[in-house]
Amino acid sequence: MIKITRNQYEFALARVEELLPMVDDNTPANDKNAVELSVMSDIVIEYEKEYYPIQKPAISELIELYLQEKGITQKQLAIEIGVSPSRINDYISGRSEPSLKKASLLCRILDIPPSVMLGI
Protein backbone atom coordinates (compact mmCIF):
# COMPACT_ATOMS: atom_id res chain seq x y z
CA MET A 1 0.00 0.00 0.00
CA ILE A 2 1.31 3.42 -0.96
CA LYS A 3 1.49 6.09 1.74
CA ILE A 4 -0.54 9.13 0.72
CA THR A 5 0.94 12.46 1.79
CA ARG A 6 -1.03 15.44 3.02
CA ASN A 7 -0.15 17.36 -0.17
CA GLN A 8 -1.43 14.50 -2.33
CA TYR A 9 -4.60 14.34 -0.27
CA GLU A 10 -5.21 18.08 -0.57
CA PHE A 11 -4.58 17.99 -4.32
CA ALA A 12 -6.96 15.02 -4.75
CA LEU A 13 -9.61 16.71 -2.60
CA ALA A 14 -9.44 19.89 -4.68
CA ARG A 15 -9.51 17.88 -7.90
CA VAL A 16 -12.60 15.97 -6.75
CA GLU A 17 -14.35 19.31 -6.22
CA GLU A 18 -13.39 20.38 -9.75
CA LEU A 19 -14.49 17.11 -11.34
CA LEU A 20 -17.84 16.65 -9.57
CA PRO A 21 -19.73 19.15 -11.77
CA MET A 22 -18.36 17.41 -14.90
CA VAL A 23 -19.54 13.90 -13.99
CA ASP A 24 -23.07 12.70 -13.37
CA ASP A 25 -25.02 9.43 -13.51
CA ASN A 26 -25.17 9.61 -17.32
CA THR A 27 -21.40 9.96 -17.76
CA PRO A 28 -19.87 6.77 -19.22
CA ALA A 29 -17.61 4.94 -16.79
CA ASN A 30 -14.70 5.14 -19.26
CA ASP A 31 -14.96 8.93 -19.62
CA LYS A 32 -11.60 10.52 -18.68
CA ASN A 33 -13.24 12.78 -16.07
CA ALA A 34 -15.15 9.86 -14.53
CA VAL A 35 -11.98 7.76 -14.34
CA GLU A 36 -10.00 10.61 -12.80
CA LEU A 37 -12.80 11.32 -10.32
CA SER A 38 -12.77 7.68 -9.25
CA VAL A 39 -8.98 7.68 -8.75
CA MET A 40 -8.98 10.99 -6.88
CA SER A 41 -11.89 9.83 -4.70
CA ASP A 42 -10.01 6.65 -3.80
CA ILE A 43 -7.01 8.74 -2.70
CA VAL A 44 -9.22 10.95 -0.53
CA ILE A 45 -10.99 7.94 1.00
CA GLU A 46 -7.74 6.11 1.82
CA TYR A 47 -6.16 9.18 3.42
CA GLU A 48 -9.26 9.93 5.49
CA LYS A 49 -9.51 6.31 6.68
CA GLU A 50 -5.97 6.61 8.00
CA TYR A 51 -5.99 10.12 9.45
CA TYR A 52 -9.66 10.89 10.13
CA PRO A 53 -11.24 7.59 11.16
CA ILE A 54 -14.86 7.69 12.20
CA GLN A 55 -15.24 6.22 15.65
CA LYS A 56 -18.27 4.19 16.60
CA PRO A 57 -20.47 6.17 18.97
CA ALA A 58 -20.57 5.16 22.61
CA ILE A 59 -23.84 3.87 24.06
CA SER A 60 -24.10 7.07 26.10
CA GLU A 61 -23.88 9.19 22.94
CA LEU A 62 -26.48 7.05 21.18
CA ILE A 63 -28.98 7.37 24.02
CA GLU A 64 -28.50 11.12 24.24
CA LEU A 65 -28.78 11.59 20.47
CA TYR A 66 -31.91 9.48 20.11
CA LEU A 67 -33.54 11.13 23.12
CA GLN A 68 -33.09 14.48 21.40
CA GLU A 69 -34.33 13.15 18.06
CA LYS A 70 -37.45 11.66 19.62
CA GLY A 71 -38.08 14.62 21.91
CA ILE A 72 -38.27 12.32 24.92
CA THR A 73 -37.08 13.42 28.35
CA GLN A 74 -34.85 11.30 30.55
CA LYS A 75 -37.73 10.99 32.99
CA GLN A 76 -40.11 9.72 30.28
CA LEU A 77 -37.52 7.21 29.10
CA ALA A 78 -36.91 6.03 32.65
CA ILE A 79 -40.62 5.30 33.07
CA GLU A 80 -40.74 3.48 29.72
CA ILE A 81 -37.90 1.09 30.56
CA GLY A 82 -38.60 0.78 34.28
CA VAL A 83 -35.56 2.44 35.83
CA SER A 84 -34.98 5.60 37.83
CA PRO A 85 -34.22 8.88 36.05
CA SER A 86 -30.82 8.87 37.75
CA ARG A 87 -30.07 5.54 36.06
CA ILE A 88 -30.78 7.13 32.66
CA ASN A 89 -28.43 9.94 33.65
CA ASP A 90 -25.82 7.31 34.51
CA TYR A 91 -26.22 5.79 31.02
CA ILE A 92 -25.86 9.20 29.34
CA SER A 93 -22.88 10.28 31.42
CA GLY A 94 -21.16 6.94 30.78
CA ARG A 95 -21.04 6.03 34.50
CA SER A 96 -22.84 2.78 33.70
CA GLU A 97 -24.15 0.85 30.73
CA PRO A 98 -27.57 -0.74 30.40
CA SER A 99 -28.02 -4.46 30.84
CA LEU A 100 -28.82 -6.44 27.70
CA LYS A 101 -32.52 -6.41 28.61
CA LYS A 102 -32.55 -2.64 29.17
CA ALA A 103 -30.49 -2.08 26.00
CA SER A 104 -33.11 -4.04 24.08
CA LEU A 105 -35.86 -1.83 25.51
CA LEU A 106 -33.84 1.30 24.67
CA CYS A 107 -33.51 0.10 21.07
CA ARG A 108 -37.24 -0.52 20.80
CA ILE A 109 -38.38 2.71 22.46
CA LEU A 110 -35.82 5.03 20.84
CA ASP A 111 -35.77 3.18 17.49
CA ILE A 112 -32.03 2.57 17.75
CA PRO A 113 -31.00 -0.26 15.41
CA PRO A 114 -29.63 -3.07 17.62
CA SER A 115 -26.54 -3.35 15.39
CA VAL A 116 -25.75 0.31 16.13
CA MET A 117 -26.21 -0.22 19.86
CA LEU A 118 -23.85 -3.21 19.68
CA GLY A 119 -21.31 -1.23 17.64
CA ILE A 120 -21.45 -3.58 14.67
C-alpha atoms as a PDB file:
ATOM      1  CA  MET A   1       0.000   0.000   0.000  1.00  0.00           C
ATOM      2  CA  ILE A   2       1.314   3.422  -0.962  1.00  0.00           C
ATOM      3  CA  LYS A   3       1.493   6.089   1.738  1.00  0.00           C
ATOM      4  CA  ILE A   4      -0.541   9.133   0.722  1.00  0.00           C
ATOM      5  CA  THR A   5       0.936  12.461   1.791  1.00  0.00           C
ATOM      6  CA  ARG A   6      -1.027  15.442   3.016  1.00  0.00           C
ATOM      7  CA  ASN A   7      -0.150  17.356  -0.168  1.00  0.00           C
ATOM      8  CA  GLN A   8      -1.427  14.498  -2.335  1.00  0.00           C
ATOM      9  CA  TYR A   9      -4.598  14.338  -0.273  1.00  0.00           C
ATOM     10  CA  GLU A  10      -5.214  18.076  -0.569  1.00  0.00           C
ATOM     11  CA  PHE A  11      -4.583  17.987  -4.320  1.00  0.00           C
ATOM     12  CA  ALA A  12      -6.958  15.022  -4.750  1.00  0.00           C
ATOM     13  CA  LEU A  13      -9.607  16.706  -2.600  1.00  0.00           C
ATOM     14  CA  ALA A  14      -9.441  19.893  -4.676  1.00  0.00           C
ATOM     15  CA  ARG A  15      -9.514  17.882  -7.900  1.00  0.00           C
ATOM     16  CA  VAL A  16     -12.603  15.972  -6.746  1.00  0.00           C
ATOM     17  CA  GLU A  17     -14.353  19.309  -6.218  1.00  0.00           C
ATOM     18  CA  GLU A  18     -13.389  20.384  -9.750  1.00  0.00           C
ATOM     19  CA  LEU A  19     -14.493  17.107 -11.342  1.00  0.00           C
ATOM     20  CA  LEU A  20     -17.836  16.647  -9.567  1.00  0.00           C
ATOM     21  CA  PRO A  21     -19.731  19.148 -11.770  1.00  0.00           C
ATOM     22  CA  MET A  22     -18.364  17.412 -14.899  1.00  0.00           C
ATOM     23  CA  VAL A  23     -19.537  13.902 -13.988  1.00  0.00           C
ATOM     24  CA  ASP A  24     -23.073  12.702 -13.373  1.00  0.00           C
ATOM     25  CA  ASP A  25     -25.025   9.431 -13.510  1.00  0.00           C
ATOM     26  CA  ASN A  26     -25.172   9.610 -17.315  1.00  0.00           C
ATOM     27  CA  THR A  27     -21.402   9.955 -17.765  1.00  0.00           C
ATOM     28  CA  PRO A  28     -19.872   6.774 -19.225  1.00  0.00           C
ATOM     29  CA  ALA A  29     -17.608   4.938 -16.786  1.00  0.00           C
ATOM     30  CA  ASN A  30     -14.705   5.136 -19.260  1.00  0.00           C
ATOM     31  CA  ASP A  31     -14.963   8.934 -19.620  1.00  0.00           C
ATOM     32  CA  LYS A  32     -11.601  10.516 -18.680  1.00  0.00           C
ATOM     33  CA  ASN A  33     -13.243  12.784 -16.067  1.00  0.00           C
ATOM     34  CA  ALA A  34     -15.151   9.865 -14.525  1.00  0.00           C
ATOM     35  CA  VAL A  35     -11.984   7.762 -14.340  1.00  0.00           C
ATOM     36  CA  GLU A  36      -9.995  10.608 -12.801  1.00  0.00           C
ATOM     37  CA  LEU A  37     -12.797  11.318 -10.316  1.00  0.00           C
ATOM     38  CA  SER A  38     -12.769   7.677  -9.255  1.00  0.00           C
ATOM     39  CA  VAL A  39      -8.979   7.681  -8.747  1.00  0.00           C
ATOM     40  CA  MET A  40      -8.977  10.995  -6.875  1.00  0.00           C
ATOM     41  CA  SER A  41     -11.895   9.834  -4.699  1.00  0.00           C
ATOM     42  CA  ASP A  42     -10.010   6.652  -3.800  1.00  0.00           C
ATOM     43  CA  ILE A  43      -7.009   8.741  -2.705  1.00  0.00           C
ATOM     44  CA  VAL A  44      -9.221  10.948  -0.526  1.00  0.00           C
ATOM     45  CA  ILE A  45     -10.988   7.938   1.004  1.00  0.00           C
ATOM     46  CA  GLU A  46      -7.745   6.108   1.822  1.00  0.00           C
ATOM     47  CA  TYR A  47      -6.162   9.179   3.422  1.00  0.00           C
ATOM     48  CA  GLU A  48      -9.261   9.927   5.490  1.00  0.00           C
ATOM     49  CA  LYS A  49      -9.513   6.307   6.682  1.00  0.00           C
ATOM     50  CA  GLU A  50      -5.975   6.610   8.005  1.00  0.00           C
ATOM     51  CA  TYR A  51      -5.993  10.121   9.446  1.00  0.00           C
ATOM     52  CA  TYR A  52      -9.663  10.890  10.130  1.00  0.00           C
ATOM     53  CA  PRO A  53     -11.243   7.588  11.164  1.00  0.00           C
ATOM     54  CA  ILE A  54     -14.864   7.690  12.200  1.00  0.00           C
ATOM     55  CA  GLN A  55     -15.240   6.224  15.650  1.00  0.00           C
ATOM     56  CA  LYS A  56     -18.273   4.193  16.599  1.00  0.00           C
ATOM     57  CA  PRO A  57     -20.471   6.174  18.970  1.00  0.00           C
ATOM     58  CA  ALA A  58     -20.570   5.163  22.613  1.00  0.00           C
ATOM     59  CA  ILE A  59     -23.841   3.873  24.058  1.00  0.00           C
ATOM     60  CA  SER A  60     -24.103   7.067  26.101  1.00  0.00           C
ATOM     61  CA  GLU A  61     -23.881   9.188  22.940  1.00  0.00           C
ATOM     62  CA  LEU A  62     -26.483   7.052  21.181  1.00  0.00           C
ATOM     63  CA  ILE A  63     -28.978   7.370  24.017  1.00  0.00           C
ATOM     64  CA  GLU A  64     -28.503  11.118  24.244  1.00  0.00           C
ATOM     65  CA  LEU A  65     -28.776  11.588  20.474  1.00  0.00           C
ATOM     66  CA  TYR A  66     -31.907   9.478  20.111  1.00  0.00           C
ATOM     67  CA  LEU A  67     -33.544  11.127  23.117  1.00  0.00           C
ATOM     68  CA  GLN A  68     -33.085  14.483  21.396  1.00  0.00           C
ATOM     69  CA  GLU A  69     -34.332  13.151  18.058  1.00  0.00           C
ATOM     70  CA  LYS A  70     -37.453  11.663  19.618  1.00  0.00           C
ATOM     71  CA  GLY A  71     -38.084  14.616  21.905  1.00  0.00           C
ATOM     72  CA  ILE A  72     -38.270  12.321  24.922  1.00  0.00           C
ATOM     73  CA  THR A  73     -37.082  13.420  28.352  1.00  0.00           C
ATOM     74  CA  GLN A  74     -34.845  11.303  30.549  1.00  0.00           C
ATOM     75  CA  LYS A  75     -37.734  10.989  32.992  1.00  0.00           C
ATOM     76  CA  GLN A  76     -40.107   9.720  30.281  1.00  0.00           C
ATOM     77  CA  LEU A  77     -37.516   7.209  29.095  1.00  0.00           C
ATOM     78  CA  ALA A  78     -36.913   6.028  32.653  1.00  0.00           C
ATOM     79  CA  ILE A  79     -40.625   5.304  33.068  1.00  0.00           C
ATOM     80  CA  GLU A  80     -40.736   3.475  29.718  1.00  0.00           C
ATOM     81  CA  ILE A  81     -37.902   1.093  30.561  1.00  0.00           C
ATOM     82  CA  GLY A  82     -38.598   0.775  34.280  1.00  0.00           C
ATOM     83  CA  VAL A  83     -35.560   2.442  35.830  1.00  0.00           C
ATOM     84  CA  SER A  84     -34.980   5.602  37.829  1.00  0.00           C
ATOM     85  CA  PRO A  85     -34.224   8.876  36.052  1.00  0.00           C
ATOM     86  CA  SER A  86     -30.823   8.875  37.751  1.00  0.00           C
ATOM     87  CA  ARG A  87     -30.069   5.539  36.061  1.00  0.00           C
ATOM     88  CA  ILE A  88     -30.779   7.128  32.659  1.00  0.00           C
ATOM     89  CA  ASN A  89     -28.429   9.940  33.649  1.00  0.00           C
ATOM     90  CA  ASP A  90     -25.815   7.312  34.512  1.00  0.00           C
ATOM     91  CA  TYR A  91     -26.222   5.792  31.025  1.00  0.00           C
ATOM     92  CA  ILE A  92     -25.859   9.202  29.335  1.00  0.00           C
ATOM     93  CA  SER A  93     -22.878  10.279  31.420  1.00  0.00           C
ATOM     94  CA  GLY A  94     -21.164   6.940  30.780  1.00  0.00           C
ATOM     95  CA  ARG A  95     -21.036   6.030  34.495  1.00  0.00           C
ATOM     96  CA  SER A  96     -22.841   2.780  33.699  1.00  0.00           C
ATOM     97  CA  GLU A  97     -24.151   0.849  30.726  1.00  0.00           C
ATOM     98  CA  PRO A  98     -27.570  -0.744  30.403  1.00  0.00           C
ATOM     99  CA  SER A  99     -28.019  -4.459  30.837  1.00  0.00           C
ATOM    100  CA  LEU A 100     -28.818  -6.436  27.700  1.00  0.00           C
ATOM    101  CA  LYS A 101     -32.518  -6.413  28.614  1.00  0.00           C
ATOM    102  CA  LYS A 102     -32.549  -2.637  29.170  1.00  0.00           C
ATOM    103  CA  ALA A 103     -30.486  -2.077  25.997  1.00  0.00           C
ATOM    104  CA  SER A 104     -33.112  -4.045  24.083  1.00  0.00           C
ATOM    105  CA  LEU A 105     -35.856  -1.826  25.509  1.00  0.00           C
ATOM    106  CA  LEU A 106     -33.843   1.304  24.667  1.00  0.00           C
ATOM    107  CA  CYS A 107     -33.507   0.103  21.074  1.00  0.00           C
ATOM    108  CA  ARG A 108     -37.237  -0.522  20.797  1.00  0.00           C
ATOM    109  CA  ILE A 109     -38.378   2.711  22.459  1.00  0.00           C
ATOM    110  CA  LEU A 110     -35.825   5.028  20.839  1.00  0.00           C
ATOM    111  CA  ASP A 111     -35.768   3.181  17.486  1.00  0.00           C
ATOM    112  CA  ILE A 112     -32.034   2.566  17.749  1.00  0.00           C
ATOM    113  CA  PRO A 113     -30.996  -0.258  15.409  1.00  0.00           C
ATOM    114  CA  PRO A 114     -29.626  -3.066  17.616  1.00  0.00           C
ATOM    115  CA  SER A 115     -26.537  -3.347  15.390  1.00  0.00           C
ATOM    116  CA  VAL A 116     -25.748   0.309  16.127  1.00  0.00           C
ATOM    117  CA  MET A 117     -26.213  -0.224  19.860  1.00  0.00           C
ATOM    118  CA  LEU A 118     -23.852  -3.212  19.684  1.00  0.00           C
ATOM    119  CA  GLY A 119     -21.312  -1.230  17.636  1.00  0.00           C
ATOM    120  CA  ILE A 120     -21.453  -3.583  14.673  1.00  0.00           C
END
